[in-house]
Amino acid sequence: MKAKLLPVATAVAIMSLMSSVRLAAQSAADSAAIRATALDYVEGWYTADSGRMARAVHPDLVKRIVQTGPDGRSRIDQMDAARLVANTGRGGGKGTSLERQQKDVVILDIFQNAASVRATMSGWIDYLQLARFNGRWVIINVLWEMKPRN
């Protein structure tokens, strides 16, 4: 009996579908964990929950913003994880009313053990870089920008 061969296009389509199903399952779990980490960061700030903030960030995190000084020159201001967690515990964004709290989290990219997320909050936008570290997604870098005041 002679075996029937599938046309190449059909075989490629089937292999592509099989690999995308496998990747979607892994990606769905990663996406959920990444989103949960980003929400710990965002909601931890709004609720002044330093424990939740500490859970979201790696101890070596650096958060940076480019500022323009009175002389018109750019400079980089930064804070580390300890300062961010302490600021959160001292009240963070707790004074932001529920109506003003913006918590938009968009996963921009995931590749293996790295991810990029955009978190839009009430007064600024954070670009979060996450890494899977010891099996858990944590934020290791943040570059942020203030929104224009209306």
N, C-alpha and C. Protein backbone atom coordinates (compact mmCIF):
# COMPACT_ATOMS: atom_id res chain seq x y z
N MET A 1 0.84 -1.17 0.00
CA MET A 1 0.00 0.00 0.00
C MET A 1 0.89 1.23 0.00
N LYS A 2 0.53 2.14 -0.84
CA LYS A 2 1.30 3.35 -1.00
C LYS A 2 0.77 4.43 -0.05
N ALA A 3 1.68 5.10 0.69
CA ALA A 3 1.28 6.18 1.62
C ALA A 3 0.92 7.42 0.83
N LYS A 4 -0.11 8.13 1.33
CA LYS A 4 -0.49 9.39 0.68
C LYS A 4 0.28 10.52 1.34
N LEU A 5 0.82 11.38 0.52
CA LEU A 5 1.54 12.53 1.01
C LEU A 5 0.63 13.75 0.96
N LEU A 6 0.71 14.56 2.01
CA LEU A 6 -0.04 15.81 2.04
C LEU A 6 0.68 16.85 1.20
N PRO A 7 -0.07 17.73 0.58
CA PRO A 7 0.60 18.84 -0.11
C PRO A 7 1.42 19.63 0.91
N VAL A 8 2.52 20.19 0.46
CA VAL A 8 3.44 20.91 1.34
C VAL A 8 2.71 22.02 2.10
N ALA A 9 1.88 22.79 1.44
CA ALA A 9 1.17 23.90 2.09
C ALA A 9 0.29 23.39 3.23
N THR A 10 -0.37 22.25 3.03
CA THR A 10 -1.22 21.67 4.08
C THR A 10 -0.37 21.21 5.26
N ALA A 11 0.74 20.56 4.98
CA ALA A 11 1.63 20.09 6.05
C ALA A 11 2.17 21.26 6.86
N VAL A 12 2.57 22.33 6.19
CA VAL A 12 3.09 23.51 6.88
C VAL A 12 2.00 24.13 7.74
N ALA A 13 0.79 24.21 7.21
CA ALA A 13 -0.33 24.79 7.97
C ALA A 13 -0.61 23.97 9.22
N ILE A 14 -0.60 22.65 9.12
CA ILE A 14 -0.85 21.79 10.28
C ILE A 14 0.25 21.95 11.31
N MET A 15 1.51 21.96 10.88
CA MET A 15 2.62 22.12 11.83
C MET A 15 2.54 23.49 12.50
N SER A 16 2.20 24.52 11.74
CA SER A 16 2.08 25.86 12.30
C SER A 16 0.98 25.91 13.35
N LEU A 17 -0.14 25.30 13.04
CA LEU A 17 -1.26 25.27 13.98
C LEU A 17 -0.88 24.52 15.26
N MET A 18 -0.20 23.40 15.12
CA MET A 18 0.21 22.61 16.29
C MET A 18 1.17 23.41 17.16
N SER A 19 2.13 24.10 16.57
CA SER A 19 3.08 24.86 17.37
C SER A 19 2.43 26.07 18.01
N SER A 20 1.47 26.70 17.32
CA SER A 20 0.81 27.88 17.92
C SER A 20 -0.06 27.48 19.09
N VAL A 21 -0.67 26.29 19.05
CA VAL A 21 -1.46 25.82 20.18
C VAL A 21 -0.55 25.62 21.39
N ARG A 22 0.60 25.00 21.17
CA ARG A 22 1.54 24.78 22.27
C ARG A 22 2.04 26.11 22.83
N LEU A 23 2.39 27.07 21.95
CA LEU A 23 2.88 28.36 22.40
C LEU A 23 1.79 29.17 23.09
N ALA A 24 0.56 29.07 22.61
CA ALA A 24 -0.54 29.83 23.21
C ALA A 24 -0.76 29.40 24.65
N ALA A 25 -0.65 28.11 24.92
CA ALA A 25 -0.86 27.63 26.29
C ALA A 25 0.22 28.19 27.21
N GLN A 26 1.47 28.15 26.77
CA GLN A 26 2.56 28.71 27.57
C GLN A 26 2.41 30.21 27.68
N SER A 27 2.11 30.87 26.60
CA SER A 27 1.97 32.31 26.58
C SER A 27 0.80 32.78 27.44
N ALA A 28 -0.28 32.03 27.47
CA ALA A 28 -1.43 32.41 28.30
C ALA A 28 -1.05 32.41 29.77
N ALA A 29 -0.32 31.41 30.21
CA ALA A 29 0.12 31.35 31.61
C ALA A 29 1.10 32.48 31.91
N ASP A 30 2.03 32.70 30.99
CA ASP A 30 2.98 33.79 31.18
C ASP A 30 2.26 35.14 31.17
N SER A 31 1.35 35.31 30.23
CA SER A 31 0.60 36.57 30.16
C SER A 31 -0.16 36.84 31.45
N ALA A 32 -0.78 35.83 32.01
CA ALA A 32 -1.53 36.00 33.26
C ALA A 32 -0.59 36.38 34.40
N ALA A 33 0.56 35.73 34.48
CA ALA A 33 1.53 36.03 35.55
C ALA A 33 2.13 37.42 35.39
N ILE A 34 2.42 37.80 34.16
CA ILE A 34 2.98 39.13 33.88
C ILE A 34 1.96 40.21 34.22
N ARG A 35 0.72 39.99 33.81
CA ARG A 35 -0.34 40.95 34.12
C ARG A 35 -0.54 41.07 35.63
N ALA A 36 -0.52 39.96 36.34
CA ALA A 36 -0.68 39.98 37.80
C ALA A 36 0.46 40.77 38.45
N THR A 37 1.67 40.60 37.96
CA THR A 37 2.82 41.34 38.50
C THR A 37 2.65 42.84 38.25
N ALA A 38 2.26 43.19 37.03
CA ALA A 38 2.05 44.61 36.70
C ALA A 38 0.94 45.22 37.56
N LEU A 39 -0.12 44.46 37.80
CA LEU A 39 -1.21 44.97 38.64
C LEU A 39 -0.80 45.07 40.10
N ASP A 40 0.07 44.16 40.57
CA ASP A 40 0.61 44.32 41.93
C ASP A 40 1.34 45.65 42.05
N TYR A 41 2.09 45.99 41.03
CA TYR A 41 2.84 47.25 40.99
C TYR A 41 1.88 48.44 40.98
N VAL A 42 0.92 48.44 40.06
CA VAL A 42 0.00 49.56 39.89
C VAL A 42 -0.94 49.69 41.09
N GLU A 43 -1.62 48.61 41.42
CA GLU A 43 -2.59 48.66 42.51
C GLU A 43 -1.91 48.77 43.87
N GLY A 44 -0.72 48.22 43.99
CA GLY A 44 0.06 48.39 45.22
C GLY A 44 0.34 49.86 45.48
N TRP A 45 0.66 50.60 44.41
CA TRP A 45 0.89 52.04 44.53
C TRP A 45 -0.37 52.76 45.00
N TYR A 46 -1.49 52.49 44.32
CA TYR A 46 -2.74 53.19 44.65
C TYR A 46 -3.25 52.86 46.06
N THR A 47 -2.97 51.67 46.56
CA THR A 47 -3.47 51.27 47.88
C THR A 47 -2.42 51.43 48.97
N ALA A 48 -1.25 51.95 48.61
CA ALA A 48 -0.14 52.12 49.56
C ALA A 48 0.24 50.79 50.21
N ASP A 49 0.19 49.72 49.43
CA ASP A 49 0.51 48.37 49.91
C ASP A 49 1.96 48.05 49.56
N SER A 50 2.86 48.34 50.49
CA SER A 50 4.29 48.15 50.22
C SER A 50 4.63 46.67 50.02
N GLY A 51 3.90 45.78 50.66
CA GLY A 51 4.14 44.34 50.46
C GLY A 51 3.84 43.91 49.04
N ARG A 52 2.76 44.43 48.53
CA ARG A 52 2.39 44.10 47.15
C ARG A 52 3.39 44.69 46.16
N MET A 53 3.85 45.92 46.43
CA MET A 53 4.86 46.53 45.57
C MET A 53 6.16 45.72 45.63
N ALA A 54 6.58 45.34 46.84
CA ALA A 54 7.81 44.57 46.99
C ALA A 54 7.72 43.24 46.26
N ARG A 55 6.55 42.63 46.25
CA ARG A 55 6.36 41.36 45.54
C ARG A 55 6.51 41.55 44.04
N ALA A 56 6.14 42.72 43.52
CA ALA A 56 6.16 42.96 42.08
C ALA A 56 7.55 43.26 41.53
N VAL A 57 8.42 43.83 42.37
CA VAL A 57 9.71 44.31 41.86
C VAL A 57 10.87 43.45 42.36
N HIS A 58 11.89 43.36 41.53
CA HIS A 58 13.13 42.70 41.94
C HIS A 58 13.90 43.68 42.84
N PRO A 59 14.62 43.18 43.84
CA PRO A 59 15.37 44.09 44.72
C PRO A 59 16.37 44.99 44.00
N ASP A 60 16.83 44.59 42.81
CA ASP A 60 17.78 45.41 42.06
C ASP A 60 17.10 46.33 41.05
N LEU A 61 15.78 46.48 41.13
CA LEU A 61 15.05 47.34 40.21
C LEU A 61 15.62 48.75 40.20
N VAL A 62 15.59 49.36 39.02
CA VAL A 62 15.89 50.78 38.88
C VAL A 62 14.74 51.39 38.09
N LYS A 63 14.18 52.49 38.61
CA LYS A 63 13.11 53.23 37.96
C LYS A 63 13.68 54.58 37.55
N ARG A 64 13.55 54.91 36.25
CA ARG A 64 14.18 56.13 35.74
C ARG A 64 13.19 56.99 34.97
N ILE A 65 13.46 58.30 34.99
CA ILE A 65 12.73 59.27 34.18
C ILE A 65 13.74 60.28 33.66
N VAL A 66 13.55 60.72 32.43
CA VAL A 66 14.37 61.79 31.87
C VAL A 66 13.64 63.10 32.16
N GLN A 67 14.32 64.00 32.84
CA GLN A 67 13.75 65.30 33.21
C GLN A 67 14.55 66.40 32.50
N THR A 68 13.90 67.51 32.25
CA THR A 68 14.59 68.66 31.69
C THR A 68 14.75 69.70 32.80
N GLY A 69 15.97 70.09 33.05
CA GLY A 69 16.26 71.06 34.10
C GLY A 69 15.96 72.48 33.66
N PRO A 70 16.05 73.42 34.60
CA PRO A 70 15.79 74.83 34.28
C PRO A 70 16.72 75.36 33.19
N ASP A 71 17.88 74.73 33.05
CA ASP A 71 18.84 75.16 32.02
C ASP A 71 18.53 74.56 30.65
N GLY A 72 17.44 73.75 30.57
CA GLY A 72 17.06 73.13 29.30
C GLY A 72 17.78 71.84 28.99
N ARG A 73 18.68 71.42 29.88
CA ARG A 73 19.44 70.19 29.65
C ARG A 73 18.73 69.00 30.30
N SER A 74 18.84 67.87 29.64
CA SER A 74 18.23 66.64 30.17
C SER A 74 19.10 66.03 31.25
N ARG A 75 18.43 65.39 32.18
CA ARG A 75 19.12 64.60 33.21
C ARG A 75 18.26 63.38 33.50
N ILE A 76 18.85 62.38 34.07
CA ILE A 76 18.11 61.17 34.44
C ILE A 76 17.97 61.14 35.95
N ASP A 77 16.73 61.08 36.42
CA ASP A 77 16.45 60.87 37.84
C ASP A 77 16.08 59.41 38.00
N GLN A 78 16.51 58.83 39.10
CA GLN A 78 16.21 57.42 39.30
C GLN A 78 15.97 57.10 40.75
N MET A 79 15.28 55.98 40.96
CA MET A 79 15.10 55.45 42.31
C MET A 79 15.27 53.94 42.25
N ASP A 80 15.62 53.39 43.40
CA ASP A 80 15.80 51.95 43.47
C ASP A 80 14.56 51.30 44.09
N ALA A 81 14.57 49.98 44.18
CA ALA A 81 13.42 49.24 44.69
C ALA A 81 13.11 49.62 46.13
N ALA A 82 14.13 49.76 46.97
CA ALA A 82 13.90 50.08 48.38
C ALA A 82 13.17 51.41 48.54
N ARG A 83 13.57 52.40 47.76
CA ARG A 83 12.92 53.72 47.84
C ARG A 83 11.49 53.66 47.31
N LEU A 84 11.27 52.93 46.22
CA LEU A 84 9.94 52.79 45.65
C LEU A 84 9.00 52.10 46.65
N VAL A 85 9.47 51.03 47.26
CA VAL A 85 8.66 50.31 48.23
C VAL A 85 8.37 51.19 49.45
N ALA A 86 9.39 51.91 49.92
CA ALA A 86 9.20 52.82 51.06
C ALA A 86 8.21 53.93 50.72
N ASN A 87 8.34 54.53 49.54
CA ASN A 87 7.41 55.58 49.13
C ASN A 87 5.98 55.04 49.04
N THR A 88 5.85 53.82 48.58
CA THR A 88 4.53 53.19 48.51
C THR A 88 3.95 53.05 49.91
N GLY A 89 4.77 52.56 50.84
CA GLY A 89 4.31 52.36 52.21
C GLY A 89 3.97 53.66 52.93
N ARG A 90 4.59 54.75 52.52
CA ARG A 90 4.31 56.06 53.13
C ARG A 90 3.04 56.71 52.59
N GLY A 91 2.35 56.03 51.74
CA GLY A 91 1.09 56.58 51.24
C GLY A 91 0.92 56.43 49.75
N GLY A 92 2.05 56.32 49.03
CA GLY A 92 1.98 56.10 47.58
C GLY A 92 0.91 56.94 46.92
N GLY A 93 0.07 56.29 46.16
CA GLY A 93 -0.99 56.96 45.44
C GLY A 93 -2.33 56.88 46.13
N LYS A 94 -2.30 56.62 47.44
CA LYS A 94 -3.55 56.43 48.18
C LYS A 94 -4.48 57.64 48.10
N GLY A 95 -3.93 58.81 47.88
CA GLY A 95 -4.75 60.02 47.77
C GLY A 95 -5.44 60.16 46.43
N THR A 96 -5.18 59.26 45.50
CA THR A 96 -5.83 59.31 44.19
C THR A 96 -7.22 58.69 44.31
N SER A 97 -8.24 59.47 44.01
CA SER A 97 -9.62 58.96 44.13
C SER A 97 -9.82 57.78 43.19
N LEU A 98 -10.76 56.91 43.54
CA LEU A 98 -11.05 55.74 42.71
C LEU A 98 -11.41 56.14 41.28
N GLU A 99 -12.14 57.25 41.13
CA GLU A 99 -12.54 57.70 39.80
C GLU A 99 -11.34 58.10 38.95
N ARG A 100 -10.30 58.58 39.58
CA ARG A 100 -9.11 59.04 38.84
C ARG A 100 -8.07 57.94 38.64
N GLN A 101 -8.20 56.84 39.37
CA GLN A 101 -7.21 55.77 39.26
C GLN A 101 -7.31 55.09 37.90
N GLN A 102 -6.24 55.18 37.16
CA GLN A 102 -6.16 54.50 35.87
C GLN A 102 -5.20 53.33 36.04
N LYS A 103 -5.61 52.17 35.55
CA LYS A 103 -4.84 50.94 35.76
C LYS A 103 -4.74 50.13 34.47
N ASP A 104 -4.43 50.80 33.38
CA ASP A 104 -4.37 50.12 32.09
C ASP A 104 -3.03 49.41 31.94
N VAL A 105 -3.08 48.11 31.76
CA VAL A 105 -1.89 47.29 31.60
C VAL A 105 -1.94 46.62 30.24
N VAL A 106 -0.92 46.88 29.41
CA VAL A 106 -0.83 46.27 28.08
C VAL A 106 0.50 45.55 27.97
N ILE A 107 0.45 44.27 27.72
CA ILE A 107 1.69 43.51 27.48
C ILE A 107 2.12 43.78 26.05
N LEU A 108 3.30 44.35 25.91
CA LEU A 108 3.82 44.71 24.59
C LEU A 108 4.53 43.55 23.91
N ASP A 109 5.26 42.75 24.71
CA ASP A 109 6.02 41.66 24.13
C ASP A 109 6.44 40.69 25.22
N ILE A 110 6.49 39.42 24.87
CA ILE A 110 7.04 38.38 25.74
C ILE A 110 7.96 37.54 24.87
N PHE A 111 9.16 37.34 25.34
CA PHE A 111 10.08 36.44 24.66
C PHE A 111 10.86 35.66 25.70
N GLN A 112 10.63 34.37 25.76
CA GLN A 112 11.28 33.48 26.71
C GLN A 112 11.15 34.02 28.14
N ASN A 113 12.22 34.54 28.70
CA ASN A 113 12.19 34.99 30.11
C ASN A 113 12.17 36.51 30.25
N ALA A 114 11.77 37.21 29.19
CA ALA A 114 11.73 38.67 29.21
C ALA A 114 10.39 39.15 28.69
N ALA A 115 9.92 40.27 29.26
CA ALA A 115 8.65 40.84 28.82
C ALA A 115 8.70 42.36 28.97
N SER A 116 7.92 43.04 28.13
CA SER A 116 7.76 44.49 28.21
C SER A 116 6.28 44.79 28.37
N VAL A 117 5.97 45.73 29.28
CA VAL A 117 4.59 46.08 29.59
C VAL A 117 4.47 47.59 29.65
N ARG A 118 3.35 48.11 29.16
CA ARG A 118 3.03 49.53 29.32
C ARG A 118 1.92 49.62 30.37
N ALA A 119 2.18 50.36 31.44
CA ALA A 119 1.18 50.58 32.49
C ALA A 119 0.82 52.07 32.46
N THR A 120 -0.42 52.36 32.13
CA THR A 120 -0.89 53.74 32.11
C THR A 120 -1.64 54.00 33.40
N MET A 121 -1.14 54.98 34.15
CA MET A 121 -1.72 55.33 35.44
C MET A 121 -2.27 56.75 35.36
N SER A 122 -2.78 57.25 36.47
CA SER A 122 -3.50 58.53 36.44
C SER A 122 -2.62 59.69 35.98
N GLY A 123 -1.37 59.75 36.37
CA GLY A 123 -0.55 60.91 36.04
C GLY A 123 0.66 60.60 35.19
N TRP A 124 0.89 59.35 34.86
CA TRP A 124 2.10 59.00 34.12
C TRP A 124 1.93 57.66 33.42
N ILE A 125 2.91 57.35 32.60
CA ILE A 125 2.97 56.06 31.91
C ILE A 125 4.30 55.42 32.26
N ASP A 126 4.23 54.17 32.67
CA ASP A 126 5.42 53.39 33.00
C ASP A 126 5.65 52.33 31.93
N TYR A 127 6.88 52.20 31.46
CA TYR A 127 7.28 51.10 30.61
C TYR A 127 8.07 50.14 31.49
N LEU A 128 7.48 48.99 31.75
CA LEU A 128 8.05 48.00 32.66
C LEU A 128 8.79 46.93 31.88
N GLN A 129 9.97 46.58 32.35
CA GLN A 129 10.69 45.42 31.82
C GLN A 129 10.66 44.37 32.91
N LEU A 130 10.16 43.21 32.56
CA LEU A 130 10.05 42.11 33.51
C LEU A 130 10.96 40.96 33.10
N ALA A 131 11.35 40.18 34.08
CA ALA A 131 12.13 38.97 33.83
C ALA A 131 11.55 37.85 34.67
N ARG A 132 11.61 36.65 34.12
CA ARG A 132 11.26 35.48 34.92
C ARG A 132 12.51 35.16 35.74
N PHE A 133 12.40 35.35 37.03
CA PHE A 133 13.55 35.22 37.93
C PHE A 133 13.19 34.18 38.98
N ASN A 134 13.94 33.07 39.00
CA ASN A 134 13.64 31.94 39.89
C ASN A 134 12.19 31.50 39.76
N GLY A 135 11.70 31.46 38.51
CA GLY A 135 10.37 30.96 38.23
C GLY A 135 9.23 31.94 38.44
N ARG A 136 9.55 33.20 38.77
CA ARG A 136 8.51 34.20 39.05
C ARG A 136 8.79 35.45 38.25
N TRP A 137 7.75 36.03 37.66
CA TRP A 137 7.90 37.26 36.90
C TRP A 137 8.03 38.44 37.86
N VAL A 138 9.09 39.25 37.68
CA VAL A 138 9.32 40.44 38.50
C VAL A 138 9.77 41.59 37.60
N ILE A 139 9.49 42.79 38.06
CA ILE A 139 9.88 43.99 37.31
C ILE A 139 11.32 44.33 37.67
N ILE A 140 12.16 44.49 36.66
CA ILE A 140 13.57 44.80 36.93
C ILE A 140 13.96 46.21 36.50
N ASN A 141 13.20 46.79 35.55
CA ASN A 141 13.47 48.16 35.08
C ASN A 141 12.15 48.86 34.81
N VAL A 142 12.13 50.16 35.07
CA VAL A 142 10.98 50.99 34.71
C VAL A 142 11.51 52.29 34.11
N LEU A 143 11.01 52.64 32.95
CA LEU A 143 11.24 53.95 32.36
C LEU A 143 9.87 54.61 32.31
N TRP A 144 9.77 55.80 32.88
CA TRP A 144 8.45 56.42 32.98
C TRP A 144 8.47 57.86 32.50
N GLU A 145 7.26 58.34 32.21
CA GLU A 145 7.08 59.68 31.68
C GLU A 145 5.79 60.25 32.26
N MET A 146 5.84 61.50 32.69
CA MET A 146 4.64 62.16 33.19
C MET A 146 3.72 62.49 32.02
N LYS A 147 2.41 62.40 32.28
CA LYS A 147 1.43 62.84 31.29
C LYS A 147 1.36 64.36 31.32
N PRO A 148 1.04 64.98 30.19
CA PRO A 148 0.87 66.43 30.20
C PRO A 148 -0.31 66.80 31.11
N ARG A 149 -0.18 67.89 31.80
CA ARG A 149 -1.28 68.37 32.65
C ARG A 149 -2.26 69.13 31.78
N ASN A 150 -3.53 68.84 32.00
CA ASN A 150 -4.58 69.52 31.20
C ASN A 150 -4.92 70.86 31.78
